[in-house]
Amino acid sequence: MYATQEARAIRKQLEQNAREKRSQQPKVILKTSCEVIGTPTQVVRKLAKRLWNSFRRNTEALFPILKDMWGKSHEEQMLVCYVLNLGLKQESKRMLQFAQEHLFSSTNDWAVSDLLGRFFGQYMILENELTVKNLVSPSLNPLQKRIIIASLTELVSNDVRKAWTTMAFQIIQEFLGDDELIVRKAIRKFIRIAYLTDSAKTIAILYDWALKRKIPTAQAMKFYAQKIPKEHLSGILGSY
């Protein structure tokens, strides 16, 4: 099952720290189709930090371990994402390349897709680069779209200069036709965060979407702009 000794050891520690009641929670609540071991998040974070500290001077040996754990369980995938973030400032380019080549296309966990998206967002903040634009394609599945949307949500939420809002909305626009709830909810969250960051630009873009029927119905707009104040939303809905 595991190709590396380190991955086997981590799995054993995750199992030893599992809580039975937690592991029996419905997978729909945890937003995953993966196995759930039941290990508390603080333990997963602690193991991630320990792994990073052991290999921070030899990241070439770290990547096979991360790849070995990916796809095995909800907690192991979370641990991989935590390690990526721990190594971001030291090995940003290599961490990004690894995530794009080995993790992005094989994500099978709702919650982990959000965590991986936050990693991409943190990278873009650090490097001042809209990396995920290159990942957009017609063949993306809903979880891959969710990763990109989560990354843009993270980017916009930290966009003090308000430099990325318009370009982030342009990417989000590509996903408006997706009927999957996990994608639609991710877009709704993005719009809420974008409004908090730059309300004027967000309202202007939503008006434009309404006028051009990018969001085809008033009902759909209500869903996406649920957290927009009524005084602004009523004007947008009046465009339909």
C-alpha atoms as a PDB file:
ATOM      1  CA  MET A   1       0.000   0.000   0.000  1.00  0.00           C
ATOM      2  CA  TYR A   2       2.885   2.372   0.782  1.00  0.00           C
ATOM      3  CA  ALA A   3       6.153   2.714  -1.078  1.00  0.00           C
ATOM      4  CA  THR A   4       7.973   4.648   1.648  1.00  0.00           C
ATOM      5  CA  GLN A   5       8.722   3.784   5.254  1.00  0.00           C
ATOM      6  CA  GLU A   6       7.933   7.350   6.356  1.00  0.00           C
ATOM      7  CA  ALA A   7       4.414   7.225   4.915  1.00  0.00           C
ATOM      8  CA  ARG A   8       3.748   3.914   6.668  1.00  0.00           C
ATOM      9  CA  ALA A   9       4.950   5.375   9.973  1.00  0.00           C
ATOM     10  CA  ILE A  10       2.717   8.434   9.609  1.00  0.00           C
ATOM     11  CA  ARG A  11      -0.291   6.248   8.812  1.00  0.00           C
ATOM     12  CA  LYS A  12       0.358   4.248  11.967  1.00  0.00           C
ATOM     13  CA  GLN A  13       0.513   7.409  14.074  1.00  0.00           C
ATOM     14  CA  LEU A  14      -2.700   8.714  12.525  1.00  0.00           C
ATOM     15  CA  GLU A  15      -4.455   5.457  13.386  1.00  0.00           C
ATOM     16  CA  GLN A  16      -3.062   5.428  16.922  1.00  0.00           C
ATOM     17  CA  ASN A  17      -4.459   8.911  17.526  1.00  0.00           C
ATOM     18  CA  ALA A  18      -7.845   8.271  15.903  1.00  0.00           C
ATOM     19  CA  ARG A  19     -11.079   8.895  17.752  1.00  0.00           C
ATOM     20  CA  GLU A  20     -13.664   6.215  17.092  1.00  0.00           C
ATOM     21  CA  LYS A  21     -16.712   8.508  17.181  1.00  0.00           C
ATOM     22  CA  ARG A  22     -15.029  10.934  14.813  1.00  0.00           C
ATOM     23  CA  SER A  23     -14.201   8.220  12.280  1.00  0.00           C
ATOM     24  CA  GLN A  24     -17.859   7.150  12.203  1.00  0.00           C
ATOM     25  CA  GLN A  25     -19.154  10.574  11.161  1.00  0.00           C
ATOM     26  CA  PRO A  26     -20.966  10.513   7.812  1.00  0.00           C
ATOM     27  CA  LYS A  27     -18.625  11.268   4.965  1.00  0.00           C
ATOM     28  CA  VAL A  28     -21.078  13.791   3.580  1.00  0.00           C
ATOM     29  CA  ILE A  29     -20.586  15.928   6.712  1.00  0.00           C
ATOM     30  CA  LEU A  30     -16.815  15.779   6.329  1.00  0.00           C
ATOM     31  CA  LYS A  31     -17.248  16.513   2.597  1.00  0.00           C
ATOM     32  CA  THR A  32     -15.108  13.631   1.423  1.00  0.00           C
ATOM     33  CA  SER A  33     -15.435  10.359  -0.448  1.00  0.00           C
ATOM     34  CA  CYS A  34     -12.123   9.156   1.020  1.00  0.00           C
ATOM     35  CA  GLU A  35     -11.496   6.931   3.991  1.00  0.00           C
ATOM     36  CA  VAL A  36     -11.738   8.872   7.251  1.00  0.00           C
ATOM     37  CA  ILE A  37      -9.323   7.679   9.935  1.00  0.00           C
ATOM     38  CA  GLY A  38     -10.738   9.986  12.612  1.00  0.00           C
ATOM     39  CA  THR A  39      -7.538  11.759  13.681  1.00  0.00           C
ATOM     40  CA  PRO A  40      -8.034  15.254  15.205  1.00  0.00           C
ATOM     41  CA  THR A  41      -6.779  18.138  13.074  1.00  0.00           C
ATOM     42  CA  GLN A  42      -4.283  19.302  15.699  1.00  0.00           C
ATOM     43  CA  VAL A  43      -2.575  15.893  15.556  1.00  0.00           C
ATOM     44  CA  VAL A  44      -2.473  15.991  11.748  1.00  0.00           C
ATOM     45  CA  ARG A  45      -0.888  19.453  11.886  1.00  0.00           C
ATOM     46  CA  LYS A  46       1.670  18.276  14.453  1.00  0.00           C
ATOM     47  CA  LEU A  47       2.689  15.314  12.279  1.00  0.00           C
ATOM     48  CA  ALA A  48       2.922  17.588   9.228  1.00  0.00           C
ATOM     49  CA  LYS A  49       5.259  19.938  11.078  1.00  0.00           C
ATOM     50  CA  ARG A  50       7.392  17.030  12.238  1.00  0.00           C
ATOM     51  CA  LEU A  51       7.648  15.665   8.691  1.00  0.00           C
ATOM     52  CA  TRP A  52       8.574  19.068   7.261  1.00  0.00           C
ATOM     53  CA  ASN A  53      11.232  19.654   9.924  1.00  0.00           C
ATOM     54  CA  SER A  54      12.754  16.252   9.154  1.00  0.00           C
ATOM     55  CA  PHE A  55      13.070  16.934   5.412  1.00  0.00           C
ATOM     56  CA  ARG A  56      13.288  20.701   5.073  1.00  0.00           C
ATOM     57  CA  ARG A  57      16.952  20.411   4.080  1.00  0.00           C
ATOM     58  CA  ASN A  58      16.228  17.598   1.638  1.00  0.00           C
ATOM     59  CA  THR A  59      12.959  18.332  -0.125  1.00  0.00           C
ATOM     60  CA  GLU A  60      13.941  15.998  -2.968  1.00  0.00           C
ATOM     61  CA  ALA A  61      13.376  13.128  -0.540  1.00  0.00           C
ATOM     62  CA  LEU A  62      10.193  14.692   0.833  1.00  0.00           C
ATOM     63  CA  PHE A  63       8.146  14.701  -2.371  1.00  0.00           C
ATOM     64  CA  PRO A  64       7.975  10.880  -2.805  1.00  0.00           C
ATOM     65  CA  ILE A  65       6.590  10.636   0.740  1.00  0.00           C
ATOM     66  CA  LEU A  66       3.915  13.250   0.055  1.00  0.00           C
ATOM     67  CA  LYS A  67       2.995  11.520  -3.207  1.00  0.00           C
ATOM     68  CA  ASP A  68       2.824   8.198  -1.354  1.00  0.00           C
ATOM     69  CA  MET A  69       0.268   9.562   1.122  1.00  0.00           C
ATOM     70  CA  TRP A  70      -1.931  11.358  -1.410  1.00  0.00           C
ATOM     71  CA  GLY A  71      -5.255   9.651  -2.070  1.00  0.00           C
ATOM     72  CA  LYS A  72      -4.984   7.242   0.843  1.00  0.00           C
ATOM     73  CA  SER A  73      -7.221   8.976   3.383  1.00  0.00           C
ATOM     74  CA  HIS A  74      -8.779  12.321   4.260  1.00  0.00           C
ATOM     75  CA  GLU A  75      -6.244  12.981   7.031  1.00  0.00           C
ATOM     76  CA  GLU A  76      -3.198  12.017   4.975  1.00  0.00           C
ATOM     77  CA  GLN A  77      -4.232  14.389   2.199  1.00  0.00           C
ATOM     78  CA  MET A  78      -4.768  17.166   4.744  1.00  0.00           C
ATOM     79  CA  LEU A  79      -1.295  16.469   6.100  1.00  0.00           C
ATOM     80  CA  VAL A  80       0.200  16.799   2.609  1.00  0.00           C
ATOM     81  CA  CYS A  81      -1.451  20.222   2.201  1.00  0.00           C
ATOM     82  CA  TYR A  82      -0.162  21.377   5.586  1.00  0.00           C
ATOM     83  CA  VAL A  83       3.378  20.353   4.599  1.00  0.00           C
ATOM     84  CA  LEU A  84       3.080  22.291   1.336  1.00  0.00           C
ATOM     85  CA  ASN A  85       2.183  25.427   3.257  1.00  0.00           C
ATOM     86  CA  LEU A  86       4.997  24.919   5.764  1.00  0.00           C
ATOM     87  CA  GLY A  87       7.489  24.735   2.902  1.00  0.00           C
ATOM     88  CA  LEU A  88       6.027  27.575   0.896  1.00  0.00           C
ATOM     89  CA  LYS A  89       8.460  30.337   1.830  1.00  0.00           C
ATOM     90  CA  GLN A  90      11.523  28.134   1.449  1.00  0.00           C
ATOM     91  CA  GLU A  91      10.570  26.118  -1.646  1.00  0.00           C
ATOM     92  CA  SER A  92       7.667  28.003  -3.231  1.00  0.00           C
ATOM     93  CA  LYS A  93       8.325  27.092  -6.882  1.00  0.00           C
ATOM     94  CA  ARG A  94       9.023  23.433  -6.217  1.00  0.00           C
ATOM     95  CA  MET A  95       6.043  23.100  -3.878  1.00  0.00           C
ATOM     96  CA  LEU A  96       3.816  24.611  -6.555  1.00  0.00           C
ATOM     97  CA  GLN A  97       5.175  22.351  -9.299  1.00  0.00           C
ATOM     98  CA  PHE A  98       4.660  19.279  -7.137  1.00  0.00           C
ATOM     99  CA  ALA A  99       1.078  20.270  -6.318  1.00  0.00           C
ATOM    100  CA  GLN A 100       0.229  20.960  -9.960  1.00  0.00           C
ATOM    101  CA  GLU A 101       1.821  17.776 -11.304  1.00  0.00           C
ATOM    102  CA  HIS A 102       0.788  15.254  -8.663  1.00  0.00           C
ATOM    103  CA  LEU A 103      -2.138  16.577  -6.594  1.00  0.00           C
ATOM    104  CA  PHE A 104      -4.361  18.858  -8.641  1.00  0.00           C
ATOM    105  CA  SER A 105      -5.623  16.268 -11.121  1.00  0.00           C
ATOM    106  CA  SER A 106      -6.246  13.533  -8.533  1.00  0.00           C
ATOM    107  CA  THR A 107      -8.077  15.390  -5.758  1.00  0.00           C
ATOM    108  CA  ASN A 108     -11.082  13.381  -4.560  1.00  0.00           C
ATOM    109  CA  ASP A 109     -11.987  15.170  -1.332  1.00  0.00           C
ATOM    110  CA  TRP A 110     -14.120  18.323  -0.959  1.00  0.00           C
ATOM    111  CA  ALA A 111     -12.455  19.631   2.193  1.00  0.00           C
ATOM    112  CA  VAL A 112      -8.964  18.858   0.911  1.00  0.00           C
ATOM    113  CA  SER A 113      -9.707  20.632  -2.362  1.00  0.00           C
ATOM    114  CA  ASP A 114     -10.381  23.783  -0.342  1.00  0.00           C
ATOM    115  CA  LEU A 115      -7.150  23.298   1.597  1.00  0.00           C
ATOM    116  CA  LEU A 116      -5.162  22.743  -1.590  1.00  0.00           C
ATOM    117  CA  GLY A 117      -6.820  25.822  -3.058  1.00  0.00           C
ATOM    118  CA  ARG A 118      -5.679  27.867  -0.079  1.00  0.00           C
ATOM    119  CA  PHE A 119      -2.127  26.675  -0.777  1.00  0.00           C
ATOM    120  CA  PHE A 120      -2.338  27.874  -4.383  1.00  0.00           C
ATOM    121  CA  GLY A 121      -3.768  31.166  -3.130  1.00  0.00           C
ATOM    122  CA  GLN A 122      -0.961  31.608  -0.612  1.00  0.00           C
ATOM    123  CA  TYR A 123       1.559  30.935  -3.365  1.00  0.00           C
ATOM    124  CA  MET A 124      -0.013  33.589  -5.588  1.00  0.00           C
ATOM    125  CA  ILE A 125       0.034  36.101  -2.729  1.00  0.00           C
ATOM    126  CA  LEU A 126       3.688  35.341  -2.022  1.00  0.00           C
ATOM    127  CA  GLU A 127       4.826  35.436  -5.653  1.00  0.00           C
ATOM    128  CA  ASN A 128       2.362  38.093  -6.888  1.00  0.00           C
ATOM    129  CA  GLU A 129       1.431  35.779  -9.751  1.00  0.00           C
ATOM    130  CA  LEU A 130      -1.940  34.523 -11.010  1.00  0.00           C
ATOM    131  CA  THR A 131      -0.738  30.945 -11.434  1.00  0.00           C
ATOM    132  CA  VAL A 132      -4.100  29.167 -11.515  1.00  0.00           C
ATOM    133  CA  LYS A 133      -5.104  30.971 -14.700  1.00  0.00           C
ATOM    134  CA  ASN A 134      -3.001  28.379 -16.551  1.00  0.00           C
ATOM    135  CA  LEU A 135      -4.980  25.520 -14.964  1.00  0.00           C
ATOM    136  CA  VAL A 136      -8.341  26.550 -16.398  1.00  0.00           C
ATOM    137  CA  SER A 137      -9.610  24.254 -19.161  1.00  0.00           C
ATOM    138  CA  PRO A 138     -12.927  22.790 -20.391  1.00  0.00           C
ATOM    139  CA  SER A 139     -11.970  19.364 -19.013  1.00  0.00           C
ATOM    140  CA  LEU A 140     -11.834  20.342 -15.331  1.00  0.00           C
ATOM    141  CA  ASN A 141     -13.959  18.309 -12.942  1.00  0.00           C
ATOM    142  CA  PRO A 142     -15.965  20.004 -10.135  1.00  0.00           C
ATOM    143  CA  LEU A 143     -13.294  19.441  -7.471  1.00  0.00           C
ATOM    144  CA  GLN A 144     -10.584  20.937  -9.680  1.00  0.00           C
ATOM    145  CA  LYS A 145     -12.812  23.959 -10.273  1.00  0.00           C
ATOM    146  CA  ARG A 146     -13.340  24.196  -6.525  1.00  0.00           C
ATOM    147  CA  ILE A 147      -9.559  24.235  -5.969  1.00  0.00           C
ATOM    148  CA  ILE A 148      -9.179  27.149  -8.380  1.00  0.00           C
ATOM    149  CA  ILE A 149     -12.106  29.056  -6.862  1.00  0.00           C
ATOM    150  CA  ALA A 150     -10.742  28.498  -3.335  1.00  0.00           C
ATOM    151  CA  SER A 151      -7.340  29.775  -4.453  1.00  0.00           C
ATOM    152  CA  LEU A 152      -8.889  32.941  -5.873  1.00  0.00           C
ATOM    153  CA  THR A 153     -10.928  33.427  -2.706  1.00  0.00           C
ATOM    154  CA  GLU A 154      -7.713  33.258  -0.677  1.00  0.00           C
ATOM    155  CA  LEU A 155      -5.968  35.645  -3.073  1.00  0.00           C
ATOM    156  CA  VAL A 156      -8.760  38.233  -3.078  1.00  0.00           C
ATOM    157  CA  SER A 157      -9.209  38.084   0.704  1.00  0.00           C
ATOM    158  CA  ASN A 158      -5.588  39.212   1.110  1.00  0.00           C
ATOM    159  CA  ASP A 159      -5.594  41.657  -1.810  1.00  0.00           C
ATOM    160  CA  VAL A 160      -4.839  44.877   0.066  1.00  0.00           C
ATOM    161  CA  ARG A 161      -4.021  46.724  -3.165  1.00  0.00           C
ATOM    162  CA  LYS A 162      -7.241  45.461  -4.819  1.00  0.00           C
ATOM    163  CA  ALA A 163      -5.180  44.452  -7.825  1.00  0.00           C
ATOM    164  CA  TRP A 164      -6.569  40.966  -8.499  1.00  0.00           C
ATOM    165  CA  THR A 165     -10.349  41.286  -8.107  1.00  0.00           C
ATOM    166  CA  THR A 166     -11.231  41.891 -11.765  1.00  0.00           C
ATOM    167  CA  MET A 167      -8.966  39.120 -13.094  1.00  0.00           C
ATOM    168  CA  ALA A 168     -10.221  36.714 -10.428  1.00  0.00           C
ATOM    169  CA  PHE A 169     -13.822  37.400 -11.484  1.00  0.00           C
ATOM    170  CA  GLN A 170     -12.858  36.767 -15.114  1.00  0.00           C
ATOM    171  CA  ILE A 171     -11.658  33.291 -14.167  1.00  0.00           C
ATOM    172  CA  ILE A 172     -14.681  32.615 -11.945  1.00  0.00           C
ATOM    173  CA  GLN A 173     -16.926  33.543 -14.870  1.00  0.00           C
ATOM    174  CA  GLU A 174     -15.687  30.436 -16.702  1.00  0.00           C
ATOM    175  CA  PHE A 175     -17.370  28.251 -14.067  1.00  0.00           C
ATOM    176  CA  LEU A 176     -20.801  29.901 -13.901  1.00  0.00           C
ATOM    177  CA  GLY A 177     -22.338  27.235 -16.137  1.00  0.00           C
ATOM    178  CA  ASP A 178     -21.463  24.387 -13.755  1.00  0.00           C
ATOM    179  CA  ASP A 179     -24.548  22.979 -11.999  1.00  0.00           C
ATOM    180  CA  GLU A 180     -22.612  21.091  -9.310  1.00  0.00           C
ATOM    181  CA  LEU A 181     -23.485  22.427  -5.863  1.00  0.00           C
ATOM    182  CA  ILE A 182     -19.884  22.203  -4.641  1.00  0.00           C
ATOM    183  CA  VAL A 183     -18.864  24.576  -7.433  1.00  0.00           C
ATOM    184  CA  ARG A 184     -21.803  26.940  -6.989  1.00  0.00           C
ATOM    185  CA  LYS A 185     -21.244  27.217  -3.233  1.00  0.00           C
ATOM    186  CA  ALA A 186     -17.552  27.937  -3.814  1.00  0.00           C
ATOM    187  CA  ILE A 187     -18.470  30.751  -6.226  1.00  0.00           C
ATOM    188  CA  ARG A 188     -20.927  32.146  -3.676  1.00  0.00           C
ATOM    189  CA  LYS A 189     -18.211  32.241  -1.033  1.00  0.00           C
ATOM    190  CA  PHE A 190     -15.832  33.933  -3.469  1.00  0.00           C
ATOM    191  CA  ILE A 191     -18.387  36.659  -4.212  1.00  0.00           C
ATOM    192  CA  ARG A 192     -18.934  37.261  -0.495  1.00  0.00           C
ATOM    193  CA  ILE A 193     -15.199  37.631   0.168  1.00  0.00           C
ATOM    194  CA  ALA A 194     -14.707  39.778  -2.939  1.00  0.00           C
ATOM    195  CA  TYR A 195     -17.465  42.107  -1.729  1.00  0.00           C
ATOM    196  CA  LEU A 196     -15.768  42.473   1.662  1.00  0.00           C
ATOM    197  CA  THR A 197     -12.466  43.263  -0.068  1.00  0.00           C
ATOM    198  CA  ASP A 198     -13.719  45.559  -2.835  1.00  0.00           C
ATOM    199  CA  SER A 199     -17.467  46.194  -2.663  1.00  0.00           C
ATOM    200  CA  ALA A 200     -17.646  48.752  -5.484  1.00  0.00           C
ATOM    201  CA  LYS A 201     -15.874  46.536  -8.018  1.00  0.00           C
ATOM    202  CA  THR A 202     -17.842  43.463  -6.976  1.00  0.00           C
ATOM    203  CA  ILE A 203     -21.184  45.222  -7.382  1.00  0.00           C
ATOM    204  CA  ALA A 204     -20.138  46.606 -10.784  1.00  0.00           C
ATOM    205  CA  ILE A 205     -19.176  43.119 -12.011  1.00  0.00           C
ATOM    206  CA  LEU A 206     -22.404  41.556 -10.731  1.00  0.00           C
ATOM    207  CA  TYR A 207     -24.406  44.270 -12.512  1.00  0.00           C
ATOM    208  CA  ASP A 208     -22.506  43.466 -15.706  1.00  0.00           C
ATOM    209  CA  TRP A 209     -23.125  39.739 -15.266  1.00  0.00           C
ATOM    210  CA  ALA A 210     -26.843  40.405 -14.765  1.00  0.00           C
ATOM    211  CA  LEU A 211     -27.139  42.675 -17.805  1.00  0.00           C
ATOM    212  CA  LYS A 212     -25.244  40.211 -20.021  1.00  0.00           C
ATOM    213  CA  ARG A 213     -27.054  37.229 -18.453  1.00  0.00           C
ATOM    214  CA  LYS A 214     -23.794  35.569 -17.441  1.00  0.00           C
ATOM    215  CA  ILE A 215     -25.927  34.485 -14.504  1.00  0.00           C
ATOM    216  CA  PRO A 216     -29.103  33.701 -16.448  1.00  0.00           C
ATOM    217  CA  THR A 217     -31.871  34.158 -13.865  1.00  0.00           C
ATOM    218  CA  ALA A 218     -32.662  36.362 -10.882  1.00  0.00           C
ATOM    219  CA  GLN A 219     -33.026  33.216  -8.776  1.00  0.00           C
ATOM    220  CA  ALA A 220     -29.500  32.115  -9.639  1.00  0.00           C
ATOM    221  CA  MET A 221     -28.189  35.603  -8.856  1.00  0.00           C
ATOM    222  CA  LYS A 222     -29.906  35.459  -5.442  1.00  0.00           C
ATOM    223  CA  PHE A 223     -28.045  32.228  -4.762  1.00  0.00           C
ATOM    224  CA  TYR A 224     -24.637  33.543  -5.784  1.00  0.00           C
ATOM    225  CA  ALA A 225     -25.024  36.992  -4.193  1.00  0.00           C
ATOM    226  CA  GLN A 226     -26.739  35.753  -1.041  1.00  0.00           C
ATOM    227  CA  LYS A 227     -24.483  37.751   1.290  1.00  0.00           C
ATOM    228  CA  ILE A 228     -24.650  41.011  -0.662  1.00  0.00           C
ATOM    229  CA  PRO A 229     -26.585  43.736   1.249  1.00  0.00           C
ATOM    230  CA  LYS A 230     -30.179  44.089   0.076  1.00  0.00           C
ATOM    231  CA  GLU A 231     -29.769  47.695  -1.037  1.00  0.00           C
ATOM    232  CA  HIS A 232     -27.157  46.591  -3.568  1.00  0.00           C
ATOM    233  CA  LEU A 233     -28.706  43.259  -4.494  1.00  0.00           C
ATOM    234  CA  SER A 234     -32.132  44.727  -5.252  1.00  0.00           C
ATOM    235  CA  GLY A 235     -30.640  46.935  -7.949  1.00  0.00           C
ATOM    236  CA  ILE A 236     -28.830  43.995  -9.539  1.00  0.00           C
ATOM    237  CA  LEU A 237     -31.980  41.859  -9.499  1.00  0.00           C
ATOM    238  CA  GLY A 238     -33.875  44.730 -11.094  1.00  0.00           C
ATOM    239  CA  SER A 239     -31.779  44.176 -14.215  1.00  0.00           C
ATOM    240  CA  TYR A 240     -33.631  40.934 -14.957  1.00  0.00           C
END
